[in-house]
Amino acid sequence: TVIELSSVKIDVVLTYCKYTLNDTELAGYLPWFHEQGIGVINASPFAMGLLTDLGPPKWHSAKPETVEAAQNAAAFCRDEVCQIKGFIVKSSAIGPVGHRMWPKVDCICT
């Protein structure tokens, strides 16, 4: 990998839209990053607006059924007097590595 071939120590990597409610591809790589002592910054936990009350911009690459599911999740949160933003921020910060920022995630209402 680029990390293994680097002549300088890499302390942190930035990933974009790869640990969200609709895409958890990053989860499979987190244990390796943890073993290497590399921090991971999860950019765009809202999936470029997909996971917000306003929804994604028209150019978003999500399939129509993914957009519909995300909007249903936002509506569910509104119906439960929650904001999807609070849930997204908390859930995207909790990875499968084992050291968690928060011990438990239920429905986070803000």
Protein backbone atom coordinates (compact mmCIF):
# COMPACT_ATOMS: atom_id res chain seq x y z
CA THR A 1 0.00 0.00 0.00
CA VAL A 2 0.96 3.65 -0.24
CA ILE A 3 1.26 3.74 3.54
CA GLU A 4 3.69 0.81 3.61
CA LEU A 5 5.78 2.26 0.77
CA SER A 6 5.97 5.77 2.23
CA SER A 7 9.38 7.02 3.32
CA VAL A 8 7.72 9.14 6.02
CA LYS A 9 5.57 7.94 8.89
CA ILE A 10 1.90 8.50 8.21
CA ASP A 11 0.02 9.40 11.37
CA VAL A 12 -3.44 10.09 10.00
CA VAL A 13 -5.54 9.52 6.89
CA LEU A 14 -8.62 11.38 5.67
CA THR A 15 -11.47 9.41 4.15
CA TYR A 16 -14.59 10.80 2.56
CA CYS A 17 -18.10 9.34 2.80
CA LYS A 18 -16.87 5.83 3.63
CA TYR A 19 -18.24 5.42 7.16
CA THR A 20 -21.82 6.60 7.05
CA LEU A 21 -25.19 4.99 7.62
CA ASN A 22 -25.41 4.19 3.91
CA ASP A 23 -21.77 3.18 3.29
CA THR A 24 -19.61 1.38 5.84
CA GLU A 25 -16.78 0.35 3.51
CA LEU A 26 -14.23 1.92 5.87
CA ALA A 27 -15.20 -0.45 8.69
CA GLY A 28 -13.22 -3.29 7.17
CA TYR A 29 -10.04 -1.20 7.14
CA LEU A 30 -10.27 0.37 10.62
CA PRO A 31 -8.66 -2.54 12.48
CA TRP A 32 -5.62 -2.37 10.16
CA PHE A 33 -5.28 1.39 10.64
CA HIS A 34 -5.58 0.86 14.40
CA GLU A 35 -2.84 -1.82 14.36
CA GLN A 36 -0.58 0.55 12.42
CA GLY A 37 -1.20 3.38 14.90
CA ILE A 38 -2.78 5.52 12.19
CA GLY A 39 -5.66 7.83 13.01
CA VAL A 40 -8.60 8.07 10.65
CA ILE A 41 -10.64 11.21 10.02
CA ASN A 42 -14.08 10.41 8.70
CA ALA A 43 -15.01 13.36 6.50
CA SER A 44 -18.57 13.98 5.37
CA PRO A 45 -20.49 11.77 7.81
CA PHE A 46 -23.62 13.28 6.24
CA ALA A 47 -22.71 11.66 2.89
CA MET A 48 -22.54 14.94 0.98
CA GLY A 49 -25.95 16.01 2.28
CA LEU A 50 -27.70 12.69 1.68
CA LEU A 51 -28.23 12.13 5.40
CA THR A 52 -29.75 15.52 6.23
CA ASP A 53 -33.25 16.91 6.43
CA LEU A 54 -32.62 18.88 3.22
CA GLY A 55 -31.41 15.87 1.27
CA PRO A 56 -28.59 15.68 -1.24
CA PRO A 57 -27.87 18.10 -4.08
CA LYS A 58 -29.22 17.12 -7.50
CA TRP A 59 -25.77 16.00 -8.70
CA HIS A 60 -25.39 13.46 -5.85
CA SER A 61 -24.38 10.00 -7.07
CA ALA A 62 -26.71 8.02 -4.77
CA LYS A 63 -29.26 5.74 -6.36
CA PRO A 64 -32.89 6.95 -6.11
CA GLU A 65 -33.74 4.17 -3.64
CA THR A 66 -30.83 5.24 -1.40
CA VAL A 67 -32.02 8.85 -1.46
CA GLU A 68 -35.54 7.69 -0.60
CA ALA A 69 -34.28 5.55 2.31
CA ALA A 70 -32.22 8.45 3.66
CA GLN A 71 -35.18 10.81 3.48
CA ASN A 72 -37.34 8.20 5.24
CA ALA A 73 -34.74 8.03 8.02
CA ALA A 74 -34.77 11.83 8.35
CA ALA A 75 -38.58 11.80 8.47
CA PHE A 76 -38.52 9.07 11.14
CA CYS A 77 -36.19 11.18 13.26
CA ARG A 78 -38.43 14.23 12.84
CA ASP A 79 -41.47 12.17 13.86
CA GLU A 80 -39.59 11.03 16.98
CA VAL A 81 -38.61 14.64 17.78
CA CYS A 82 -35.01 13.97 16.86
CA GLN A 83 -32.68 15.56 14.40
CA ILE A 84 -30.94 13.13 12.13
CA LYS A 85 -27.79 15.28 12.36
CA GLY A 86 -27.19 14.36 16.01
CA PHE A 87 -27.60 10.68 15.31
CA ILE A 88 -25.30 10.81 12.28
CA VAL A 89 -22.49 12.60 14.08
CA LYS A 90 -22.58 10.20 16.98
CA SER A 91 -22.88 7.03 14.90
CA SER A 92 -20.13 8.04 12.47
CA ALA A 93 -17.70 8.58 15.34
CA ILE A 94 -18.24 5.06 16.66
CA GLY A 95 -16.16 2.55 14.76
CA PRO A 96 -15.77 -1.20 15.12
CA VAL A 97 -12.21 -0.91 16.49
CA GLY A 98 -13.30 -1.13 20.10
CA HIS A 99 -12.29 2.20 21.62
CA ARG A 100 -15.39 4.29 21.29
CA MET A 101 -16.05 7.93 21.89
CA TRP A 102 -19.43 7.08 23.41
CA PRO A 103 -20.24 3.75 25.08
CA LYS A 104 -23.67 3.28 23.46
CA VAL A 105 -25.78 4.75 20.66
CA ASP A 106 -29.54 4.67 20.78
CA CYS A 107 -31.66 7.30 19.10
CA ILE A 108 -29.86 10.52 19.84
CA CYS A 109 -32.26 13.40 20.09
CA THR A 110 -30.95 16.95 20.13
